[in-house]
Protein backbone atom coordinates (compact mmCIF):
# COMPACT_ATOMS: atom_id res chain seq x y z
CA MET A 1 219.78 109.82 81.52
CA ASN A 2 220.20 113.18 80.55
CA SER A 3 218.20 116.07 82.34
CA LYS A 4 215.99 116.80 79.00
CA LEU A 5 215.31 113.31 78.32
CA ARG A 6 214.27 113.10 82.30
CA GLU A 7 212.18 116.07 81.72
CA GLU A 8 210.46 114.56 78.80
CA PHE A 9 209.59 111.48 80.63
CA LYS A 10 207.83 113.70 83.72
CA MET A 11 206.30 115.50 81.05
CA LYS A 12 204.94 112.40 79.17
CA ASN A 13 203.44 110.69 82.25
CA LEU A 14 201.76 113.92 83.61
CA LYS A 15 200.16 114.24 80.33
CA TYR A 16 198.50 110.65 79.91
CA VAL A 17 198.01 110.86 83.70
CA LYS A 18 195.61 113.75 83.28
CA LYS A 19 193.91 112.12 80.23
CA HIS A 20 193.26 108.96 82.21
CA ILE A 21 192.88 110.08 85.41
CA CYS A 22 189.99 108.27 86.32
CA PHE A 23 191.68 105.19 85.42
CA PHE A 24 194.75 106.26 87.77
CA ILE A 25 192.90 106.96 90.60
CA LEU A 26 190.63 103.64 90.46
CA ILE A 27 193.90 101.88 90.31
CA ILE A 28 195.44 103.40 93.24
CA MET A 29 191.86 102.94 95.36
CA LEU A 30 192.26 99.13 94.24
CA THR A 31 195.78 98.98 95.33
CA ILE A 32 194.82 100.26 99.07
CA ILE A 33 192.48 97.87 99.53
CA SER A 34 194.11 95.12 97.94
CA SER A 35 197.15 95.73 100.10
CA PHE A 36 195.08 96.34 103.35
CA LEU A 37 193.10 92.90 102.65
CA LEU A 38 196.45 91.10 102.08
CA THR A 39 198.14 92.19 105.23
CA TYR A 40 194.90 92.50 107.80
CA PRO A 41 194.24 88.57 107.78
CA ILE A 42 197.73 88.22 109.13
CA GLN A 43 196.32 89.82 112.37
CA VAL A 44 193.47 87.46 112.40
CA LEU A 45 195.48 84.83 111.95
CA ARG A 46 197.79 85.77 115.02
CA GLU A 47 194.78 85.92 117.06
CA LEU A 48 193.99 82.76 115.90
CA ILE A 49 196.74 80.92 116.47
CA ASP A 50 197.43 82.47 119.78
CA GLY A 51 193.47 81.40 120.62
CA VAL A 52 194.11 77.87 119.85
CA THR A 53 197.39 77.55 121.64
CA SER A 54 196.44 79.23 124.86
CA THR A 55 195.12 77.34 128.09
CA GLU A 56 192.51 79.80 128.05
CA ASN A 57 189.01 78.35 126.18
CA PHE A 58 189.09 79.27 122.58
CA VAL A 59 185.19 78.32 121.72
CA LEU A 60 184.14 77.15 118.29
CA GLU A 61 182.50 79.91 117.34
CA ASN A 62 185.31 82.10 117.92
CA PHE A 63 187.68 79.69 115.56
CA ILE A 64 184.94 79.98 113.05
CA LEU A 65 184.58 83.81 113.29
CA TYR A 66 188.38 84.43 112.79
CA ALA A 67 188.69 81.76 110.15
CA SER A 68 185.82 83.27 108.03
CA VAL A 69 187.30 86.95 108.15
CA TYR A 70 190.97 85.29 107.26
CA VAL A 71 189.41 83.62 104.39
CA LEU A 72 187.29 86.44 103.03
CA CYS A 73 189.76 89.17 103.47
CA VAL A 74 192.08 86.68 101.54
CA LEU A 75 189.54 86.30 98.46
CA PHE A 76 188.53 89.97 98.26
CA SER A 77 192.12 90.73 98.35
CA ALA A 78 192.61 88.04 95.63
CA ILE A 79 189.80 90.11 93.57
CA SER A 80 190.55 93.57 94.02
CA ASN A 81 194.06 92.69 93.04
CA SER A 82 193.05 90.75 90.09
CA LEU A 83 191.04 93.78 88.92
CA ARG A 84 193.98 96.38 89.54
CA ILE A 85 196.14 94.12 87.45
CA TYR A 86 193.37 94.09 84.50
CA LEU A 87 192.78 97.76 84.92
CA SER A 88 196.70 98.38 84.80
CA SER A 89 196.99 96.59 81.25
CA LYS A 90 193.63 97.90 80.03
CA LEU A 91 195.05 101.29 80.57
CA LYS A 92 198.60 100.49 79.26
CA PHE A 93 196.84 99.49 75.99
CA ARG A 94 194.70 102.78 75.82
CA ILE A 95 198.14 104.74 76.56
CA ALA A 96 199.88 102.79 74.03
CA SER A 97 197.17 103.31 71.37
CA ASP A 98 197.22 107.39 72.22
CA ILE A 99 201.10 107.11 71.77
CA ARG A 100 200.76 105.30 68.65
CA GLY A 101 198.14 107.51 67.24
CA GLU A 102 200.32 110.55 67.86
CA TYR A 103 203.64 109.28 66.14
CA TYR A 104 201.45 108.39 63.40
CA ASP A 105 200.21 111.84 63.17
CA ILE A 106 203.41 113.26 63.41
CA MET A 107 205.21 111.17 61.01
CA LEU A 108 202.32 112.38 58.56
CA LYS A 109 203.51 116.07 59.10
CA LEU A 110 206.92 115.17 58.72
CA LYS A 111 208.66 116.84 56.03
CA LEU A 112 209.17 114.69 52.77
CA SER A 113 212.43 114.84 52.64
CA PHE A 114 212.90 113.17 56.38
CA TYR A 115 211.70 110.12 54.44
CA ASP A 116 214.49 110.20 51.99
CA ASN A 117 216.77 108.96 54.38
CA ALA A 118 214.75 107.68 56.79
CA ASP A 119 214.89 103.84 58.20
CA ASN A 120 211.45 102.43 57.52
CA GLY A 121 212.39 99.34 59.87
CA GLU A 122 213.22 101.67 62.65
CA LEU A 123 210.46 103.89 62.07
CA LEU A 124 208.06 100.75 62.47
CA GLY A 125 209.47 99.66 65.51
CA ILE A 126 209.38 102.76 67.33
CA VAL A 127 205.54 103.27 66.63
CA MET A 128 204.62 99.52 67.10
CA GLN A 129 207.08 98.22 69.91
CA ASP A 130 208.46 101.55 71.63
CA SER A 131 204.64 102.74 72.23
CA GLU A 132 203.85 99.52 74.24
CA ILE A 133 207.46 99.88 76.00
CA ILE A 134 206.86 103.46 76.68
CA ALA A 135 203.13 102.99 78.16
CA GLN A 136 204.45 99.98 80.40
CA GLY A 137 206.70 102.55 81.89
CA ILE A 138 203.95 104.97 82.55
CA VAL A 139 201.48 102.66 84.13
CA SER A 140 204.02 100.33 86.10
CA PRO A 141 205.41 102.63 88.53
CA PHE A 142 201.65 103.71 89.26
CA SER A 143 200.58 100.26 89.61
CA ASN A 144 203.51 98.44 90.96
CA VAL A 145 205.33 101.14 93.13
CA SER A 146 201.92 101.89 94.77
CA LYS A 147 201.55 98.43 95.38
CA VAL A 148 204.74 98.03 97.35
CA ILE A 149 204.22 101.47 98.96
CA PHE A 150 200.89 100.23 100.57
CA SER A 151 201.70 97.05 101.13
CA LEU A 152 205.11 97.91 102.95
CA GLY A 153 203.10 100.80 104.51
CA PHE A 154 200.39 98.09 106.28
CA GLY A 155 203.00 95.82 106.67
CA ILE A 156 205.11 98.21 108.77
CA TYR A 157 202.14 99.11 110.53
CA PHE A 158 200.70 95.93 111.68
CA MET A 159 204.52 94.55 112.40
CA SER A 160 205.07 97.57 114.88
CA GLN A 161 201.81 96.46 116.31
CA ILE A 162 203.31 92.92 117.04
CA ASN A 163 206.74 94.36 118.22
CA VAL A 164 208.27 97.86 117.43
CA LEU A 165 211.55 96.60 118.08
CA LEU A 166 211.78 93.81 116.28
CA THR A 167 210.33 96.05 113.26
CA LEU A 168 213.03 98.61 113.95
CA ILE A 169 216.10 95.98 113.78
CA LEU A 170 214.65 94.37 110.32
CA MET A 171 213.52 97.89 108.58
CA PRO A 172 217.55 98.66 107.77
CA ILE A 173 217.84 95.55 106.02
CA ALA A 174 214.73 96.33 103.64
CA ILE A 175 216.02 99.52 102.89
CA LEU A 176 219.23 98.21 101.74
CA PHE A 177 217.42 95.73 99.59
CA SER A 178 215.76 98.68 98.16
CA ILE A 179 218.99 100.63 97.74
CA VAL A 180 220.80 97.73 95.81
CA THR A 181 217.80 97.25 93.81
CA SER A 182 217.61 100.55 92.29
CA VAL A 183 221.58 100.40 91.97
CA SER A 184 222.40 97.39 90.26
CA SER A 185 219.20 97.94 87.89
CA TRP A 186 221.22 100.98 85.85
CA LYS A 187 222.81 98.39 83.28
CA LEU A 188 219.90 97.21 82.30
CA LYS A 189 218.97 100.65 80.49
CA PHE A 190 222.20 100.15 78.38
CA TYR A 191 221.20 96.35 77.44
CA ALA A 192 217.72 97.91 76.85
CA LYS A 193 219.29 99.93 74.08
CA GLU A 194 221.13 97.53 72.80
CA ASN A 195 218.03 95.09 72.39
CA ARG A 196 216.33 97.74 70.67
CA LYS A 197 218.98 98.15 68.14
CA ARG A 198 219.74 94.39 67.63
CA ASN A 199 215.90 93.86 67.05
CA GLN A 200 215.96 97.02 64.85
CA VAL A 201 218.65 95.52 62.45
CA LEU A 202 216.90 92.15 62.38
CA TRP A 203 213.50 93.99 61.55
CA ASN A 204 214.92 95.79 58.72
CA PHE A 205 216.70 92.87 57.05
CA LEU A 206 213.67 90.99 57.36
CA SER A 207 211.61 93.99 55.64
CA ARG A 208 214.34 94.14 53.15
CA THR A 209 213.85 90.62 52.28
CA LEU A 210 210.18 90.55 51.68
CA LYS A 211 210.36 93.63 49.63
CA GLY A 212 213.63 91.73 47.72
CA ILE A 213 212.23 88.63 47.79
CA ARG A 214 211.92 88.31 43.73
CA ASP A 215 215.56 89.82 43.01
CA ILE A 216 216.71 87.38 46.19
CA LYS A 217 215.57 84.29 44.32
CA SER A 218 216.45 85.25 40.80
CA PHE A 219 219.73 85.72 41.37
CA ASN A 220 219.76 82.75 43.64
CA ASN A 221 221.03 84.78 46.59
CA GLU A 222 219.01 82.59 49.13
CA LYS A 223 222.28 80.85 50.95
CA ASN A 224 223.79 84.62 51.42
CA TYR A 225 221.11 86.24 52.80
CA HIS A 226 220.16 82.94 54.89
CA TYR A 227 223.83 83.33 56.46
CA SER A 228 223.49 87.00 56.73
CA PHE A 229 219.75 86.47 58.75
CA ASN A 230 221.49 83.83 61.04
CA ASN A 231 224.59 86.13 61.83
CA GLU A 232 222.03 88.97 62.85
CA SER A 233 219.91 86.71 64.83
CA GLN A 234 222.82 84.95 66.53
CA ASN A 235 223.74 88.77 67.58
CA MET A 236 220.45 89.42 69.18
CA LYS A 237 220.40 86.00 70.91
CA ASP A 238 223.62 86.77 72.14
CA ASN A 239 222.65 90.40 73.88
CA ASP A 240 219.23 88.91 75.10
CA ILE A 241 221.50 86.36 77.12
CA LYS A 242 223.57 88.76 78.14
CA THR A 243 220.91 91.17 79.37
CA GLU A 244 219.15 87.60 81.16
CA ARG A 245 222.38 86.87 82.65
CA TYR A 246 222.52 90.51 84.41
CA LYS A 247 218.62 90.23 85.23
CA PHE A 248 219.66 86.92 87.23
CA ARG A 249 222.67 88.45 88.94
CA VAL A 250 220.13 91.21 90.30
CA GLU A 251 217.66 88.76 91.45
CA LEU A 252 220.07 86.64 92.76
CA ILE A 253 221.28 89.59 94.97
CA ASN A 254 217.80 90.12 95.94
CA ALA A 255 217.29 86.63 96.72
CA ILE A 256 220.23 86.62 99.43
CA PHE A 257 218.57 89.75 100.91
CA VAL A 258 215.23 88.24 101.45
CA PHE A 259 217.05 85.12 102.72
CA PHE A 260 218.79 87.41 105.55
CA LEU A 261 215.80 89.11 106.30
CA ILE A 262 213.56 85.65 106.74
CA CYS A 263 216.53 84.28 109.21
CA ALA A 264 217.06 87.37 110.74
CA SER A 265 213.19 87.25 111.60
CA LEU A 266 213.26 84.13 112.47
CA ILE A 267 216.22 84.02 115.08
CA ILE A 268 214.96 87.42 116.61
CA GLY A 269 211.48 86.17 116.63
CA GLY A 270 212.11 82.56 117.85
CA TYR A 271 214.51 84.26 120.89
CA LEU A 272 211.69 86.79 121.71
CA VAL A 273 209.17 83.64 122.19
CA ILE A 274 211.37 81.98 123.99
CA ILE A 275 211.82 85.03 126.70
CA GLY A 276 208.03 85.34 126.69
CA ASN A 277 208.17 88.76 125.00
CA ILE A 278 206.07 87.63 122.18
CA SER A 279 203.45 84.89 121.34
CA LEU A 280 203.90 82.23 119.02
CA GLY A 281 201.15 83.69 116.78
CA SER A 282 202.73 87.13 116.87
CA MET A 283 206.16 85.10 115.46
CA VAL A 284 203.95 83.64 112.84
CA ALA A 285 202.21 86.49 111.86
CA PHE A 286 205.64 88.57 112.08
CA LEU A 287 207.26 85.85 109.63
CA THR A 288 204.35 85.71 107.23
CA HIS A 289 204.44 89.82 106.90
CA ASN A 290 208.19 89.43 105.93
CA SER A 291 207.13 86.76 103.23
CA MET A 292 204.33 88.65 102.05
CA LEU A 293 206.42 92.16 101.61
CA VAL A 294 209.20 89.88 99.40
CA ALA A 295 206.67 89.87 96.38
CA PRO A 296 206.10 93.79 96.27
CA MET A 297 209.85 94.47 96.76
CA SER A 298 211.01 92.51 94.28
CA GLY A 299 208.68 93.91 92.30
CA VAL A 300 210.67 97.36 92.76
CA VAL A 301 213.06 95.31 90.22
CA LEU A 302 210.49 95.20 87.65
CA VAL A 303 209.65 98.60 87.68
CA PHE A 304 213.10 99.59 87.88
CA GLN A 305 213.66 97.38 84.60
CA GLU A 306 210.42 98.61 82.88
CA VAL A 307 211.18 102.09 83.34
CA LEU A 308 214.07 102.17 82.21
CA ARG A 309 213.29 100.18 79.13
CA SER A 310 210.88 102.72 78.77
CA LYS A 311 213.06 105.98 79.20
CA ALA A 312 215.38 103.72 76.56
CA SER A 313 212.47 103.68 73.81
CA LEU A 314 211.34 107.29 74.68
CA GLU A 315 214.72 108.71 73.64
CA ARG A 316 214.71 106.39 70.35
CA SER A 317 211.51 107.72 69.60
CA ARG A 318 212.98 111.23 69.17
CA ILE A 319 213.62 110.27 65.69
CA ILE A 320 210.22 111.26 65.01
CA THR A 321 209.54 113.74 67.51
CA GLU A 322 212.21 115.77 67.12
CA ALA A 323 212.32 115.82 63.43
CA ASP A 324 211.18 118.66 61.42
CA THR A 325 207.23 118.82 60.76
CA ASP A 326 206.07 120.43 57.65
CA GLU A 327 204.83 123.99 58.88
CA ALA A 328 202.21 123.94 56.29
CA TYR A 329 199.96 121.70 58.84
CA SER A 330 200.15 125.10 61.40
CA PHE A 331 197.84 127.06 58.65
CA ASN A 332 194.73 126.70 56.88
CA SER A 333 194.74 129.63 54.53
CA THR A 334 192.85 129.28 50.92
CA ILE A 335 193.71 130.62 47.26
CA ASP A 336 191.81 132.53 45.46
CA LYS A 337 191.18 130.71 41.96
CA ASP A 338 189.47 133.63 40.06
CA CYS A 339 192.13 136.57 40.12
CA SER A 340 194.40 135.06 37.17
CA HIS A 341 194.28 133.52 33.96
CA LYS A 342 197.98 132.49 34.61
CA ILE A 343 197.21 129.54 36.56
CA LEU A 344 200.92 128.73 37.52
CA ARG A 345 204.12 130.87 37.67
CA VAL A 346 207.57 130.23 38.42
CA GLU A 347 210.38 133.05 39.28
CA ASN A 348 213.89 132.60 39.87
CA LEU A 349 213.15 129.23 41.07
CA SER A 350 216.25 127.52 42.74
CA PHE A 351 216.49 124.14 44.28
CA SER A 352 218.90 121.70 45.97
CA TYR A 353 218.58 118.45 47.84
CA ASP A 354 221.61 119.42 49.91
CA SER A 355 224.21 122.02 50.03
CA SER A 356 226.98 120.11 47.94
CA ARG A 357 224.73 120.60 44.55
CA THR A 358 221.99 122.58 43.04
CA VAL A 359 219.73 120.60 40.75
CA LEU A 360 217.66 123.71 39.44
CA SER A 361 219.04 127.26 39.27
CA GLN A 362 217.28 130.30 38.22
CA ILE A 363 214.45 128.46 36.70
CA SER A 364 211.45 130.75 35.37
CA PHE A 365 208.31 129.85 33.48
CA GLU A 366 204.63 130.76 33.32
CA ILE A 367 201.59 128.21 32.51
CA GLU A 368 198.07 129.34 31.20
CA GLN A 369 195.01 127.65 32.60
CA GLY A 370 193.69 124.76 30.28
CA THR A 371 197.11 124.36 28.48
CA VAL A 372 199.19 121.38 28.06
CA THR A 373 203.06 121.85 28.82
CA ALA A 374 205.88 119.17 29.12
CA PHE A 375 209.42 119.04 30.34
CA VAL A 376 212.30 117.14 28.49
CA GLY A 377 215.84 116.61 29.00
CA ALA A 378 218.25 114.05 29.45
CA SER A 379 218.40 111.92 32.76
CA GLY A 380 219.47 114.44 35.43
CA SER A 381 218.75 117.30 33.77
CA GLY A 382 216.11 118.43 36.12
CA LYS A 383 212.62 117.90 34.95
CA SER A 384 211.81 115.49 37.69
CA SER A 385 212.86 117.53 40.21
CA MET A 386 211.04 120.68 38.74
CA ILE A 387 207.68 118.37 39.41
CA LYS A 388 208.88 117.85 43.04
CA ALA A 389 209.29 121.68 43.36
CA LEU A 390 205.59 122.37 42.08
CA SER A 391 204.24 119.88 44.42
CA THR A 392 205.03 121.99 47.51
CA LEU A 393 206.12 119.08 49.43
CA TYR A 394 209.88 119.62 48.96
CA SER A 395 209.83 123.57 50.15
CA ASP A 396 212.54 123.07 52.25
CA LYS A 397 214.82 122.33 49.56
CA ILE A 398 213.67 126.00 47.65
CA TYR A 399 216.37 128.38 48.62
CA ASN A 400 215.89 131.04 46.12
CA GLY A 401 212.60 132.15 44.10
CA THR A 402 208.91 131.72 43.86
CA ILE A 403 206.02 129.56 42.93
CA THR A 404 202.52 131.28 42.17
CA LEU A 405 199.29 129.71 41.56
CA PHE A 406 196.46 132.11 40.44
CA ASP A 407 198.59 134.80 41.35
CA ASN A 408 199.09 133.60 45.04
CA VAL A 409 202.60 133.12 45.89
CA ILE A 410 202.67 129.54 47.83
CA GLU A 411 204.21 129.65 51.15
CA GLU A 412 203.35 127.45 54.44
CA LYS A 413 200.15 129.27 55.25
CA ASN A 414 198.59 128.36 51.90
CA ALA A 415 200.45 125.19 51.18
CA LEU A 416 198.18 122.68 52.28
CA PHE A 417 195.06 124.47 50.10
CA ALA A 418 197.87 124.53 46.95
CA ARG A 419 197.80 120.87 47.17
CA THR A 420 194.40 120.20 46.67
CA ILE A 421 194.90 122.09 43.10
CA LEU A 422 197.52 119.45 42.37
CA SER A 423 197.28 115.88 41.39
CA PHE A 424 200.04 113.40 40.87
CA ALA A 425 200.92 110.53 38.65
CA PHE A 426 204.28 109.39 39.29
CA GLN A 427 206.33 106.50 37.51
CA ASP A 428 206.93 104.27 40.38
CA THR A 429 202.79 104.28 41.16
CA PHE A 430 202.73 103.49 44.62
CA LEU A 431 199.52 100.92 45.59
CA PHE A 432 197.97 99.88 48.52
CA ASN A 433 197.05 96.47 49.23
CA GLY A 434 193.11 96.02 48.58
CA THR A 435 190.76 96.08 45.64
CA ILE A 436 191.31 98.17 42.38
CA LEU A 437 188.69 100.28 43.80
CA ASP A 438 189.85 101.00 46.87
CA ASN A 439 193.11 102.11 45.23
CA ILE A 440 191.36 104.22 42.61
CA LEU A 441 188.95 106.07 45.14
CA PHE A 442 191.80 106.65 47.35
CA SER A 443 192.16 110.48 45.87
CA ASN A 444 188.55 110.58 46.06
CA PRO A 445 186.23 108.53 48.23
CA PHE A 446 182.98 110.17 46.81
CA ALA A 447 183.71 110.16 43.42
CA THR A 448 180.50 108.95 41.20
CA LYS A 449 180.11 105.97 38.88
CA GLU A 450 180.62 107.98 35.88
CA GLU A 451 183.84 109.57 37.16
CA ILE A 452 185.30 106.57 38.00
CA LYS A 453 184.64 105.01 34.54
CA LYS A 454 185.47 108.08 32.86
CA ALA A 455 188.93 108.12 34.44
CA LEU A 456 189.67 104.00 33.92
CA ASN A 457 188.22 104.79 30.01
CA THR A 458 191.03 107.53 29.80
CA ALA A 459 193.56 105.44 31.49
CA CYS A 460 192.96 102.48 29.10
CA ILE A 461 192.32 100.12 31.99
CA TYR A 462 188.76 100.14 31.92
CA GLU A 463 188.20 97.13 29.35
CA MET A 464 191.05 95.46 31.72
CA VAL A 465 189.01 95.72 34.73
CA SER A 466 185.70 94.98 32.89
CA LEU A 467 186.76 91.07 31.90
CA LEU A 468 188.27 90.46 35.73
CA PRO A 469 185.70 88.23 37.71
CA GLU A 470 185.69 90.58 40.40
CA GLY A 471 186.08 93.46 38.55
CA LEU A 472 186.92 96.63 40.65
CA GLU A 473 186.36 94.32 43.67
CA THR A 474 189.55 92.26 42.63
CA MET A 475 192.54 92.13 44.99
CA ILE A 476 195.61 93.34 43.69
CA GLY A 477 198.03 92.39 46.44
CA GLU A 478 200.92 94.40 48.31
CA ASN A 479 201.96 97.16 45.99
CA GLY A 480 200.07 95.97 43.06
CA ALA A 481 201.90 92.60 42.87
CA LEU A 482 199.52 90.77 41.03
CA LEU A 483 199.23 93.40 37.81
CA SER A 484 202.00 94.33 35.33
CA GLY A 485 204.18 97.43 35.71
CA GLY A 486 201.72 99.05 33.10
CA GLU A 487 198.71 98.28 34.70
CA ARG A 488 199.83 99.45 37.97
CA GLN A 489 200.70 103.02 36.16
CA ARG A 490 197.58 102.95 34.29
CA ILE A 491 195.71 102.53 37.48
CA GLY A 492 197.88 105.20 39.25
CA ILE A 493 196.82 107.75 36.11
CA ALA A 494 193.00 106.88 36.50
CA ARG A 495 193.35 107.62 40.84
CA SER A 496 195.01 110.79 39.70
CA LEU A 497 192.21 111.79 37.21
CA LEU A 498 189.33 111.24 39.54
CA LYS A 499 190.70 114.14 42.05
CA ALA A 500 189.03 117.31 41.95
CA SER A 501 192.36 119.31 40.85
CA GLU A 502 192.80 121.50 38.20
CA ILE A 503 196.56 120.80 37.35
CA LEU A 504 197.91 117.30 36.57
CA LEU A 505 201.25 116.42 36.91
CA PHE A 506 202.85 113.32 35.18
CA ASP A 507 206.06 112.25 35.93
CA GLU A 508 207.08 109.50 33.32
CA ALA A 509 203.74 108.15 34.46
CA THR A 510 203.46 106.21 31.24
CA SER A 511 207.25 104.73 31.19
CA SER A 512 205.78 101.06 31.52
CA LEU A 513 203.23 101.35 28.63
CA ASP A 514 203.79 99.99 25.01
CA ASN A 515 203.61 103.29 22.41
CA LYS A 516 200.46 102.36 21.16
CA THR A 517 199.02 102.41 24.70
CA GLU A 518 200.85 105.41 25.67
CA LYS A 519 199.51 107.20 22.45
CA LYS A 520 195.76 106.84 23.22
CA VAL A 521 196.44 107.23 27.09
CA MET A 522 197.76 110.50 25.85
CA HIS A 523 194.82 111.45 23.40
CA ASN A 524 192.38 110.23 25.59
CA LEU A 525 193.73 112.91 28.42
CA LEU A 526 193.75 115.68 25.98
CA GLU A 527 190.15 114.90 24.88
CA ASN A 528 188.44 113.94 28.22
CA TYR A 529 190.04 116.60 30.50
CA LYS A 530 190.10 119.70 28.43
CA ASN A 531 189.65 121.89 31.11
CA LYS A 532 192.58 120.36 32.96
CA THR A 533 195.97 122.44 33.06
CA ILE A 534 198.35 119.30 32.62
CA ILE A 535 202.17 119.23 33.21
CA LEU A 536 204.15 116.13 31.88
CA ILE A 537 207.14 114.24 31.61
CA ALA A 538 207.08 111.76 29.06
CA HIS A 539 209.04 108.65 28.48
CA ARG A 540 208.65 109.09 24.63
CA LEU A 541 208.81 112.56 23.10
CA SER A 542 206.68 111.43 20.46
CA THR A 543 203.79 111.82 23.04
CA ILE A 544 204.46 115.06 23.89
CA ILE A 545 204.22 117.02 20.29
CA GLU A 546 201.03 118.46 20.40
CA SER A 547 202.29 120.15 24.00
CA ASP A 548 201.63 123.96 23.89
CA CYS A 549 204.84 124.58 25.22
CA ILE A 550 207.83 122.57 25.93
CA TYR A 551 210.49 123.22 28.28
CA VAL A 552 213.84 121.67 27.70
CA PHE A 553 216.02 121.19 30.70
CA GLU A 554 219.98 120.79 30.74
CA LYS A 555 222.17 120.64 34.05
CA GLY A 556 219.26 122.04 36.08
CA GLN A 557 218.20 125.13 34.05
CA ILE A 558 216.11 125.84 30.98
CA VAL A 559 217.70 126.23 27.51
CA GLU A 560 214.87 126.03 25.23
CA LYS A 561 211.19 126.47 25.14
CA GLY A 562 208.46 126.53 22.61
CA ASN A 563 206.16 124.30 20.97
CA HIS A 564 206.93 121.24 18.68
CA GLN A 565 207.20 122.71 15.57
CA GLN A 566 209.54 125.61 16.70
CA LEU A 567 211.83 123.69 18.53
CA MET A 568 212.17 121.30 15.89
CA SER A 569 213.15 124.18 13.38
CA GLU A 570 215.65 125.36 15.85
CA LYS A 571 217.63 122.21 15.33
CA GLY A 572 218.86 122.79 18.68
CA LYS A 573 219.12 120.43 22.27
CA TYR A 574 214.94 119.50 21.49
CA PHE A 575 215.89 118.14 18.11
CA GLY A 576 218.63 116.36 18.99
CA LEU A 577 216.81 114.61 21.75
CA TYR A 578 213.80 113.82 19.57
CA THR A 579 215.64 112.14 16.70
CA ALA A 580 217.31 109.91 19.10
CA SER A 581 214.01 109.19 20.90
CA ASN A 582 212.84 108.12 17.34
CA LYS A 583 215.70 106.23 16.64
CA LYS A 584 215.19 104.22 19.75
CA ALA A 585 211.49 104.03 18.78
């Protein structure tokens, strides 16, 4: 465990201790009460045994008094300890919820490029599982270690009241027990990390299976996937068994130390009773103290295990906590929308996903408010990357040039506000597992019925929705599994139209529509949203011929620009693309 991670674990502990300080104080108070009430009755038991076995008269009233005190102490000890366990669990769940919320908030603010190579299964494991493990590692030391400390403290005090010498003889064995416990538990950290790794692999495999179940079935790959799943499950099982085997060894060592502790107490205590140094009641009380202290001392093993697992989870969660966040969330600057009729300007922009390949080079263009602009080009020419660059979500990939909205250069300080000006419809529309209405209102929860109807009509889906028994309240399944590709895209278009933004960006958002429907959607769009500035990449070039300006991309550069008639008359790249597109149609 390196010093940085150790310090991080301490700081996280302090953070949540401060936030839930009342819970921690109450748990400590209940620990003190339950520990005292657990050990004090043994003193009462000693007096009771010595009174009954003595030659002096031991009246019934004394017996009833001692017995009543003993029973009440045991009862209230059980109640206070149960309440301590309940509050500890409640505190663990609260802290786990705080950590989940913290991680989720961080994930929302990470750069979009982080998710291009992120392992979704691992992220799910960190948020859902590691959060609880870390919370347990924070609460357990306070709850269980304090229980050990106070139980040992009261136990040693009462034991010393019986016989100081006997207590001093047995204490080194108890101390050695604690040392062996702490040393033998270090390897559990390795097993904890390996368990999380195996769990993650299995989780990822299951996630891929659920997402690709249609393809698995259609390609008759059920047996191969079942075989692979069983292999991963077997690896996980083998590691779990190794972990439990090591835990068994640690607990066996602990049991041996406890055995020697009790034997030593019995032999030395018995000898002291025989020579008349202590009473029979004192010996029974001493043995009972030892037996009662075994459980909290054994609890130290569990605490070590939980803390080590917690540190392993905290180390894994660095994937999220140490990732680069989108600095736009640190600012709240606005944009003056009234300072120019040039709604968008791009100057000398270069864009690259990594240092090995530039996908856009020295791009420059201007777009006026209320116009329609199209990007065309062969696959891989850079047109979709241009949409990504304009989104402000990939600002870390822009290494040269500027993007200007209303004469305001888009920077980190105003990027969040810039995103309110932009509205997107993508080729691979993602839909949430809910109703059609839920998905449409995602972009504007306060949209009116008239606005919703207008968006649905424009996207050519209003009639289809009206024929459904549940209408807009129809459930569509995970990512719109109950809809066709074209229906999903049209819902995505309607969703983008509801957002109160000045610029619409369509990245092949109509690629799954038939030719007739695509033309109708584009016609509706131009008629119903004339005040919007539209930037689009169309699946069929026949749908963009009414665009005010068309930019032709090739190898990350703009090689031609103009309207449809101009570009066709030039008989250049656009002419070739359009002619080829019509032949396919």
